[in-house]
Structures are given as structure tokens and as C-alpha cells.
Amino acid sequence: MKKAQLFLAALLVFCLTGCVNLNKALSPEPEKVKIDGETYRAGFYGSLWTKNLAFTGEEYEADGKTYRRTDCAGFDCMQTSGGGKTGGIVYCLDSQWEDAKAYYGSPENYTYYLQIDSIQSGKQFFEIENMDYEKFDALTGFGDTFAYDPFDLVKNKASESKEILIDASENDPRPYFTFYKESKDGSFGSFKGHHFFLMDGKMYLARTHDMSNDMVSAVELSEETASYFIETVTPFLER
């Protein structure tokens, strides 16, 4: 029963954050599409999520699907119509693909943020200047590696060997905080579903929070990565 509750809770979180797109998984989009005589290619923005795409109003039909032209940092892009809250996959004109990939691959073309979720103040957002890009990538990579995934039992089993269980009724780890980035053109942003917290001078990734039993499953970050983000987040937590 407990594992079933954890599964359902995690599934709800993944659905709300857009981490799981069952429609996309069951019907994957092609890598390249031919639209209005031109070839467009996917994959230039990596694992980022679409945000506030600016559409030109032009629409095209190809292979039974509707594509909408959008301006991504000056690149000619097309997005498949539909796909829920975040829309469908975005394609870039093939001749511009390498330049677009280089643009969205450059950390300097992003603004970095801290989100704090507390019981008292709700959600608060702060811009972080002078972010250490390598540390940010290390934090993101840690979250990707150890976050709970209800659809990957092998990954979860490997993470369980490093997890600790916290009785939140006696020692509530909140507030949780999240670091994320958004492209300066406003088109894309990183995943915001990895939640961290501080406890006894250490930093942890919250894998699951079982509300019914008030237990938190967590994994401790390495001291090298944690020290930077502890120093970064502490002034905001003390406000």
C-alpha cells in the first residue's frame, strides 16, 4: 500500500510538472520534417522545456499535422500544434540548426533563478546573478540521476542504496528550493521539478514526500556541489 501511495503521489507530481508526456512517448515525433518545401530539424534545445514562445501567426499542414512558425532568438522555428500545457516539439530550419544549438547550448544566454517553497510564504522567486555554470550543471545532473522516477525501476533501485528516510513530523525539511534557468529570449527553460533542502549543514535532494506517513526520502549531495549552493541559498532563506 505504501509503495502504491508513493507511486501515485510521484506520478501526480510528474504530470503537474510536465516531466512525463505519455502521448509523446507512445507517438514519438520525427527528427526531421518537411514544411513548405523546407527541412526543419528537432533536438537543438536539448532537455529544455518550451515556455513563452512567440508565434508569427503562420500555420502549415504537413503529414496530417499543423505546425506554427515561432521566432526563437531570431531563428526560424516551427512547433507542432497541441501537446498540452507546454505545446508540441519545436523544430529549427535545418540550415540554422547548428547556430541555434550553439545559442541554446551557451550558459551565457540564460537567466538563473532560485525558487523557494515554504509553508509560511508559499512560492518565492529570486534571480541569481553570477551563477557558476559548472556547478549548476552538476546540480542538474545530480537531480536527473537520483530523482524518483515511477517509470524507471532500475534507476530507483540504484538510488535507494544512497537514500535516507526523514520523519517529517519530527523534523520537517521544508522549505524546499529549486534552481533553474530560462533562456533570455523567453522561449525555453530548464526542468523545475528537482527540490532540495538543508538539514544539519548538509544539502539533500528530496526524492519523495509521503504525505500520508509524513516521511521524506532524500539523497545527500557531494560536499563540493553542496557548499556552493548552501552559500548561495542561505541569505534568501534568512529573509
C-alpha atoms as a PDB file:
ATOM      1  CA  MET A   1       0.000   0.000   0.000  1.00  0.00           C
ATOM      2  CA  LYS A   2       2.792   2.420   0.925  1.00  0.00           C
ATOM      3  CA  LYS A   3       4.648   1.875  -2.358  1.00  0.00           C
ATOM      4  CA  ALA A   4       1.400   2.337  -4.269  1.00  0.00           C
ATOM      5  CA  GLN A   5       0.774   5.643  -2.496  1.00  0.00           C
ATOM      6  CA  LEU A   6       4.302   6.793  -3.269  1.00  0.00           C
ATOM      7  CA  PHE A   7       3.859   5.827  -6.899  1.00  0.00           C
ATOM      8  CA  LEU A   8       0.600   7.733  -7.255  1.00  0.00           C
ATOM      9  CA  ALA A   9       1.997  10.793  -5.484  1.00  0.00           C
ATOM     10  CA  ALA A  10       5.092  10.822  -7.662  1.00  0.00           C
ATOM     11  CA  LEU A  11       3.022  10.280 -10.779  1.00  0.00           C
ATOM     12  CA  LEU A  12       0.862  13.277  -9.884  1.00  0.00           C
ATOM     13  CA  VAL A  13       3.947  15.457  -9.405  1.00  0.00           C
ATOM     14  CA  PHE A  14       5.428  14.330 -12.707  1.00  0.00           C
ATOM     15  CA  CYS A  15       2.193  15.064 -14.539  1.00  0.00           C
ATOM     16  CA  LEU A  16       1.877  18.503 -12.961  1.00  0.00           C
ATOM     17  CA  THR A  17       5.464  19.456 -13.822  1.00  0.00           C
ATOM     18  CA  GLY A  18       5.240  18.126 -17.347  1.00  0.00           C
ATOM     19  CA  CYS A  19       8.068  15.652 -16.803  1.00  0.00           C
ATOM     20  CA  VAL A  20       6.135  12.793 -18.307  1.00  0.00           C
ATOM     21  CA  ASN A  21       4.443  13.108 -21.673  1.00  0.00           C
ATOM     22  CA  LEU A  22       2.766   9.781 -22.337  1.00  0.00           C
ATOM     23  CA  ASN A  23       1.414  10.919 -25.678  1.00  0.00           C
ATOM     24  CA  LYS A  24       4.916  11.813 -26.831  1.00  0.00           C
ATOM     25  CA  ALA A  25       6.295   8.539 -25.530  1.00  0.00           C
ATOM     26  CA  LEU A  26       3.653   6.481 -27.316  1.00  0.00           C
ATOM     27  CA  SER A  27       3.879   8.503 -30.531  1.00  0.00           C
ATOM     28  CA  PRO A  28       7.393   9.958 -30.850  1.00  0.00           C
ATOM     29  CA  GLU A  29       7.863  12.867 -33.197  1.00  0.00           C
ATOM     30  CA  PRO A  30      10.225  12.507 -36.205  1.00  0.00           C
ATOM     31  CA  GLU A  31      13.688  14.073 -36.043  1.00  0.00           C
ATOM     32  CA  LYS A  32      13.119  15.999 -39.288  1.00  0.00           C
ATOM     33  CA  VAL A  33      10.017  17.320 -41.037  1.00  0.00           C
ATOM     34  CA  LYS A  34       9.410  18.901 -44.434  1.00  0.00           C
ATOM     35  CA  ILE A  35       7.323  22.064 -44.151  1.00  0.00           C
ATOM     36  CA  ASP A  36       6.513  24.388 -47.067  1.00  0.00           C
ATOM     37  CA  GLY A  37       9.403  22.931 -49.070  1.00  0.00           C
ATOM     38  CA  GLU A  38      11.987  23.414 -46.286  1.00  0.00           C
ATOM     39  CA  THR A  39      13.552  20.890 -43.910  1.00  0.00           C
ATOM     40  CA  TYR A  40      13.232  21.520 -40.161  1.00  0.00           C
ATOM     41  CA  ARG A  41      15.147  19.560 -37.514  1.00  0.00           C
ATOM     42  CA  ALA A  42      14.440  18.819 -33.852  1.00  0.00           C
ATOM     43  CA  GLY A  43      16.830  18.489 -30.916  1.00  0.00           C
ATOM     44  CA  PHE A  44      18.536  21.881 -30.896  1.00  0.00           C
ATOM     45  CA  TYR A  45      17.369  22.778 -27.360  1.00  0.00           C
ATOM     46  CA  GLY A  46      18.314  19.545 -25.625  1.00  0.00           C
ATOM     47  CA  SER A  47      16.330  18.698 -22.495  1.00  0.00           C
ATOM     48  CA  LEU A  48      14.865  22.189 -22.044  1.00  0.00           C
ATOM     49  CA  TRP A  49      11.120  22.820 -21.903  1.00  0.00           C
ATOM     50  CA  THR A  50       9.197  25.285 -24.041  1.00  0.00           C
ATOM     51  CA  LYS A  51       7.973  28.389 -22.215  1.00  0.00           C
ATOM     52  CA  ASN A  52       6.590  31.542 -23.803  1.00  0.00           C
ATOM     53  CA  LEU A  53       7.110  31.007 -27.496  1.00  0.00           C
ATOM     54  CA  ALA A  54       6.346  33.988 -29.726  1.00  0.00           C
ATOM     55  CA  PHE A  55       4.267  32.897 -32.716  1.00  0.00           C
ATOM     56  CA  THR A  56       4.045  34.779 -36.021  1.00  0.00           C
ATOM     57  CA  GLY A  57       0.508  33.609 -36.807  1.00  0.00           C
ATOM     58  CA  GLU A  58       1.653  31.498 -39.769  1.00  0.00           C
ATOM     59  CA  GLU A  59       0.455  27.885 -39.808  1.00  0.00           C
ATOM     60  CA  TYR A  60       1.304  24.996 -42.134  1.00  0.00           C
ATOM     61  CA  GLU A  61      -0.031  21.499 -42.702  1.00  0.00           C
ATOM     62  CA  ALA A  62       2.408  18.622 -43.223  1.00  0.00           C
ATOM     63  CA  ASP A  63       1.882  14.863 -42.840  1.00  0.00           C
ATOM     64  CA  GLY A  64      -1.501  15.429 -41.250  1.00  0.00           C
ATOM     65  CA  LYS A  65      -0.160  17.777 -38.559  1.00  0.00           C
ATOM     66  CA  THR A  66      -0.346  21.521 -38.034  1.00  0.00           C
ATOM     67  CA  TYR A  67       2.877  23.479 -37.494  1.00  0.00           C
ATOM     68  CA  ARG A  68       3.071  27.033 -36.190  1.00  0.00           C
ATOM     69  CA  ARG A  69       6.013  29.302 -37.024  1.00  0.00           C
ATOM     70  CA  THR A  70       7.749  30.789 -33.991  1.00  0.00           C
ATOM     71  CA  ASP A  71      10.693  33.131 -33.509  1.00  0.00           C
ATOM     72  CA  CYS A  72      13.297  31.610 -31.177  1.00  0.00           C
ATOM     73  CA  ALA A  73      16.117  34.126 -30.685  1.00  0.00           C
ATOM     74  CA  GLY A  74      15.819  35.084 -34.358  1.00  0.00           C
ATOM     75  CA  PHE A  75      15.868  31.511 -35.680  1.00  0.00           C
ATOM     76  CA  ASP A  76      13.156  30.194 -37.995  1.00  0.00           C
ATOM     77  CA  CYS A  77      11.368  27.546 -35.935  1.00  0.00           C
ATOM     78  CA  MET A  78       8.181  25.502 -36.139  1.00  0.00           C
ATOM     79  CA  GLN A  79       6.205  23.954 -33.287  1.00  0.00           C
ATOM     80  CA  THR A  80       3.741  21.140 -33.682  1.00  0.00           C
ATOM     81  CA  SER A  81       0.273  22.298 -32.676  1.00  0.00           C
ATOM     82  CA  GLY A  82      -1.042  20.726 -29.480  1.00  0.00           C
ATOM     83  CA  GLY A  83       0.917  18.857 -26.842  1.00  0.00           C
ATOM     84  CA  GLY A  84      -0.815  20.184 -23.737  1.00  0.00           C
ATOM     85  CA  LYS A  85       0.488  22.927 -21.476  1.00  0.00           C
ATOM     86  CA  THR A  86       3.987  23.065 -22.968  1.00  0.00           C
ATOM     87  CA  GLY A  87       2.915  22.599 -26.582  1.00  0.00           C
ATOM     88  CA  GLY A  88       4.499  20.221 -29.054  1.00  0.00           C
ATOM     89  CA  ILE A  89       8.093  19.679 -30.123  1.00  0.00           C
ATOM     90  CA  VAL A  90       9.961  22.593 -31.727  1.00  0.00           C
ATOM     91  CA  TYR A  91      11.901  22.265 -34.985  1.00  0.00           C
ATOM     92  CA  CYS A  92      14.521  24.658 -36.373  1.00  0.00           C
ATOM     93  CA  LEU A  93      15.270  25.346 -40.038  1.00  0.00           C
ATOM     94  CA  ASP A  94      17.984  22.832 -40.941  1.00  0.00           C
ATOM     95  CA  SER A  95      20.374  25.483 -42.299  1.00  0.00           C
ATOM     96  CA  GLN A  96      20.171  27.339 -38.956  1.00  0.00           C
ATOM     97  CA  TRP A  97      20.205  24.277 -36.699  1.00  0.00           C
ATOM     98  CA  GLU A  98      23.887  24.343 -35.723  1.00  0.00           C
ATOM     99  CA  ASP A  99      23.737  28.052 -34.821  1.00  0.00           C
ATOM    100  CA  ALA A 100      20.544  27.530 -32.808  1.00  0.00           C
ATOM    101  CA  LYS A 101      22.081  24.580 -30.956  1.00  0.00           C
ATOM    102  CA  ALA A 102      25.157  26.689 -30.143  1.00  0.00           C
ATOM    103  CA  TYR A 103      22.973  29.571 -28.921  1.00  0.00           C
ATOM    104  CA  TYR A 104      20.848  27.449 -26.575  1.00  0.00           C
ATOM    105  CA  GLY A 105      23.914  25.496 -25.504  1.00  0.00           C
ATOM    106  CA  SER A 106      25.665  28.631 -24.234  1.00  0.00           C
ATOM    107  CA  PRO A 107      25.097  29.250 -20.485  1.00  0.00           C
ATOM    108  CA  GLU A 108      25.535  32.983 -21.028  1.00  0.00           C
ATOM    109  CA  ASN A 109      22.228  33.122 -22.905  1.00  0.00           C
ATOM    110  CA  TYR A 110      20.237  32.260 -19.766  1.00  0.00           C
ATOM    111  CA  THR A 111      18.993  33.945 -16.627  1.00  0.00           C
ATOM    112  CA  TYR A 112      19.269  31.839 -13.470  1.00  0.00           C
ATOM    113  CA  TYR A 113      16.665  31.700 -10.710  1.00  0.00           C
ATOM    114  CA  LEU A 114      16.027  30.328  -7.248  1.00  0.00           C
ATOM    115  CA  GLN A 115      12.528  29.196  -6.248  1.00  0.00           C
ATOM    116  CA  ILE A 116      11.779  28.709  -2.550  1.00  0.00           C
ATOM    117  CA  ASP A 117       8.670  26.784  -1.452  1.00  0.00           C
ATOM    118  CA  SER A 118       7.803  27.312   2.192  1.00  0.00           C
ATOM    119  CA  ILE A 119       4.706  26.644   4.268  1.00  0.00           C
ATOM    120  CA  GLN A 120       4.606  30.210   5.584  1.00  0.00           C
ATOM    121  CA  SER A 121       5.397  32.251   2.455  1.00  0.00           C
ATOM    122  CA  GLY A 122       4.360  29.985  -0.402  1.00  0.00           C
ATOM    123  CA  LYS A 123       6.475  30.262  -3.560  1.00  0.00           C
ATOM    124  CA  GLN A 124       9.135  32.960  -3.830  1.00  0.00           C
ATOM    125  CA  PHE A 125      11.363  33.636  -6.846  1.00  0.00           C
ATOM    126  CA  PHE A 126      14.777  35.305  -6.952  1.00  0.00           C
ATOM    127  CA  GLU A 127      17.207  35.999  -9.763  1.00  0.00           C
ATOM    128  CA  ILE A 128      20.708  34.664  -9.133  1.00  0.00           C
ATOM    129  CA  GLU A 129      23.494  36.720 -10.664  1.00  0.00           C
ATOM    130  CA  ASN A 130      26.962  35.346 -11.456  1.00  0.00           C
ATOM    131  CA  MET A 131      25.846  31.732 -11.371  1.00  0.00           C
ATOM    132  CA  ASP A 132      28.668  29.193 -11.560  1.00  0.00           C
ATOM    133  CA  TYR A 133      27.619  27.379 -14.740  1.00  0.00           C
ATOM    134  CA  GLU A 134      29.566  24.208 -13.995  1.00  0.00           C
ATOM    135  CA  LYS A 135      28.073  23.960 -10.514  1.00  0.00           C
ATOM    136  CA  PHE A 136      24.595  24.497 -11.951  1.00  0.00           C
ATOM    137  CA  ASP A 137      25.141  21.656 -14.434  1.00  0.00           C
ATOM    138  CA  ALA A 138      26.436  19.449 -11.607  1.00  0.00           C
ATOM    139  CA  LEU A 139      23.314  20.155  -9.546  1.00  0.00           C
ATOM    140  CA  THR A 140      21.043  19.481 -12.508  1.00  0.00           C
ATOM    141  CA  GLY A 141      22.893  16.265 -13.296  1.00  0.00           C
ATOM    142  CA  PHE A 142      22.579  15.107  -9.684  1.00  0.00           C
ATOM    143  CA  GLY A 143      18.845  15.722  -9.760  1.00  0.00           C
ATOM    144  CA  ASP A 144      18.476  13.844 -13.044  1.00  0.00           C
ATOM    145  CA  THR A 145      20.421  10.888 -11.634  1.00  0.00           C
ATOM    146  CA  PHE A 146      18.772  10.477  -8.234  1.00  0.00           C
ATOM    147  CA  ALA A 147      15.253  11.909  -8.603  1.00  0.00           C
ATOM    148  CA  TYR A 148      12.439   9.384  -8.140  1.00  0.00           C
ATOM    149  CA  ASP A 149      11.070   8.131 -11.452  1.00  0.00           C
ATOM    150  CA  PRO A 150       7.956   5.934 -11.183  1.00  0.00           C
ATOM    151  CA  PHE A 151       8.659   4.585 -14.684  1.00  0.00           C
ATOM    152  CA  ASP A 152      12.286   3.518 -14.146  1.00  0.00           C
ATOM    153  CA  LEU A 153      12.562   0.801 -11.507  1.00  0.00           C
ATOM    154  CA  VAL A 154      16.237   0.086 -12.245  1.00  0.00           C
ATOM    155  CA  LYS A 155      17.230   3.711 -11.686  1.00  0.00           C
ATOM    156  CA  ASN A 156      15.163   3.879  -8.483  1.00  0.00           C
ATOM    157  CA  LYS A 157      16.752   0.724  -7.117  1.00  0.00           C
ATOM    158  CA  ALA A 158      20.249   2.158  -7.638  1.00  0.00           C
ATOM    159  CA  SER A 159      19.253   5.400  -5.889  1.00  0.00           C
ATOM    160  CA  GLU A 160      17.722   3.600  -2.902  1.00  0.00           C
ATOM    161  CA  SER A 161      21.177   2.489  -1.740  1.00  0.00           C
ATOM    162  CA  LYS A 162      22.062   6.145  -1.139  1.00  0.00           C
ATOM    163  CA  GLU A 163      18.745   7.405   0.245  1.00  0.00           C
ATOM    164  CA  ILE A 164      17.912   8.316   3.818  1.00  0.00           C
ATOM    165  CA  LEU A 165      14.422   8.492   5.315  1.00  0.00           C
ATOM    166  CA  ILE A 166      13.387  11.526   7.350  1.00  0.00           C
ATOM    167  CA  ASP A 167      10.420  11.640   9.687  1.00  0.00           C
ATOM    168  CA  ALA A 168       8.956  14.986   8.622  1.00  0.00           C
ATOM    169  CA  SER A 169       6.536  15.008  11.547  1.00  0.00           C
ATOM    170  CA  GLU A 170       9.528  15.466  13.857  1.00  0.00           C
ATOM    171  CA  ASN A 171      11.952  17.249  11.540  1.00  0.00           C
ATOM    172  CA  ASP A 172      10.186  18.845   8.568  1.00  0.00           C
ATOM    173  CA  PRO A 173      12.845  19.508   5.889  1.00  0.00           C
ATOM    174  CA  ARG A 174      10.926  22.334   4.247  1.00  0.00           C
ATOM    175  CA  PRO A 175      11.376  24.890   2.821  1.00  0.00           C
ATOM    176  CA  TYR A 176      12.318  23.198  -0.420  1.00  0.00           C
ATOM    177  CA  PHE A 177      14.244  25.148  -3.022  1.00  0.00           C
ATOM    178  CA  THR A 178      14.897  24.750  -6.732  1.00  0.00           C
ATOM    179  CA  PHE A 179      17.475  26.289  -9.052  1.00  0.00           C
ATOM    180  CA  TYR A 180      16.529  26.671 -12.704  1.00  0.00           C
ATOM    181  CA  LYS A 181      17.331  28.728 -15.788  1.00  0.00           C
ATOM    182  CA  GLU A 182      15.354  30.424 -18.553  1.00  0.00           C
ATOM    183  CA  SER A 183      16.658  31.483 -21.949  1.00  0.00           C
ATOM    184  CA  LYS A 184      16.915  35.248 -22.310  1.00  0.00           C
ATOM    185  CA  ASP A 185      14.651  35.189 -25.356  1.00  0.00           C
ATOM    186  CA  GLY A 186      11.956  33.629 -23.164  1.00  0.00           C
ATOM    187  CA  SER A 187      11.472  30.519 -25.315  1.00  0.00           C
ATOM    188  CA  PHE A 188      12.899  27.735 -23.143  1.00  0.00           C
ATOM    189  CA  GLY A 189      13.601  26.842 -19.533  1.00  0.00           C
ATOM    190  CA  SER A 190      15.141  24.013 -17.538  1.00  0.00           C
ATOM    191  CA  PHE A 191      13.210  21.445 -15.507  1.00  0.00           C
ATOM    192  CA  LYS A 192      11.889  22.828 -12.189  1.00  0.00           C
ATOM    193  CA  GLY A 193      10.928  19.551 -10.520  1.00  0.00           C
ATOM    194  CA  HIS A 194      14.116  18.849  -8.517  1.00  0.00           C
ATOM    195  CA  HIS A 195      13.575  20.006  -4.933  1.00  0.00           C
ATOM    196  CA  PHE A 196      16.405  20.415  -2.436  1.00  0.00           C
ATOM    197  CA  PHE A 197      16.604  21.248   1.270  1.00  0.00           C
ATOM    198  CA  LEU A 198      19.151  21.892   4.023  1.00  0.00           C
ATOM    199  CA  MET A 199      19.488  19.870   7.206  1.00  0.00           C
ATOM    200  CA  ASP A 200      22.308  19.906   9.770  1.00  0.00           C
ATOM    201  CA  GLY A 201      24.564  21.898   7.462  1.00  0.00           C
ATOM    202  CA  LYS A 202      24.137  19.481   4.564  1.00  0.00           C
ATOM    203  CA  MET A 203      22.161  19.677   1.334  1.00  0.00           C
ATOM    204  CA  TYR A 204      19.777  16.980   0.114  1.00  0.00           C
ATOM    205  CA  LEU A 205      17.636  16.168  -2.894  1.00  0.00           C
ATOM    206  CA  ALA A 206      14.062  15.319  -1.861  1.00  0.00           C
ATOM    207  CA  ARG A 207      13.151  12.220  -3.873  1.00  0.00           C
ATOM    208  CA  THR A 208       9.634  11.716  -2.494  1.00  0.00           C
ATOM    209  CA  HIS A 209       7.490  13.186   0.275  1.00  0.00           C
ATOM    210  CA  ASP A 210       4.972  10.623   1.502  1.00  0.00           C
ATOM    211  CA  MET A 211       2.290  12.907   2.933  1.00  0.00           C
ATOM    212  CA  SER A 212       0.248  10.051   4.397  1.00  0.00           C
ATOM    213  CA  ASN A 213       3.115   8.896   6.635  1.00  0.00           C
ATOM    214  CA  ASP A 214       4.968  12.238   6.636  1.00  0.00           C
ATOM    215  CA  MET A 215       8.208  10.613   5.517  1.00  0.00           C
ATOM    216  CA  VAL A 216      10.734  12.148   3.117  1.00  0.00           C
ATOM    217  CA  SER A 217      13.134  10.088   1.031  1.00  0.00           C
ATOM    218  CA  ALA A 218      16.316  12.058   0.277  1.00  0.00           C
ATOM    219  CA  VAL A 219      19.849  11.749  -1.106  1.00  0.00           C
ATOM    220  CA  GLU A 220      22.764  13.860   0.130  1.00  0.00           C
ATOM    221  CA  LEU A 221      24.753  15.922  -2.364  1.00  0.00           C
ATOM    222  CA  SER A 222      28.529  15.850  -2.528  1.00  0.00           C
ATOM    223  CA  GLU A 223      30.238  18.420  -0.316  1.00  0.00           C
ATOM    224  CA  GLU A 224      31.805  20.149  -3.349  1.00  0.00           C
ATOM    225  CA  THR A 225      28.485  20.837  -5.064  1.00  0.00           C
ATOM    226  CA  ALA A 226      26.528  21.416  -1.862  1.00  0.00           C
ATOM    227  CA  SER A 227      28.868  24.038  -0.394  1.00  0.00           C
ATOM    228  CA  TYR A 228      28.370  26.391  -3.331  1.00  0.00           C
ATOM    229  CA  PHE A 229      24.570  26.198  -3.273  1.00  0.00           C
ATOM    230  CA  ILE A 230      24.340  26.334   0.513  1.00  0.00           C
ATOM    231  CA  GLU A 231      26.274  29.594   0.383  1.00  0.00           C
ATOM    232  CA  THR A 232      24.027  30.837  -2.433  1.00  0.00           C
ATOM    233  CA  VAL A 233      20.668  29.955  -0.913  1.00  0.00           C
ATOM    234  CA  THR A 234      21.285  30.755   2.777  1.00  0.00           C
ATOM    235  CA  PRO A 235      20.860  34.572   2.511  1.00  0.00           C
ATOM    236  CA  PHE A 236      17.475  34.080   0.837  1.00  0.00           C
ATOM    237  CA  LEU A 237      16.287  31.562   3.429  1.00  0.00           C
ATOM    238  CA  GLU A 238      17.171  34.032   6.200  1.00  0.00           C
ATOM    239  CA  ARG A 239      14.997  36.811   4.803  1.00  0.00           C
END
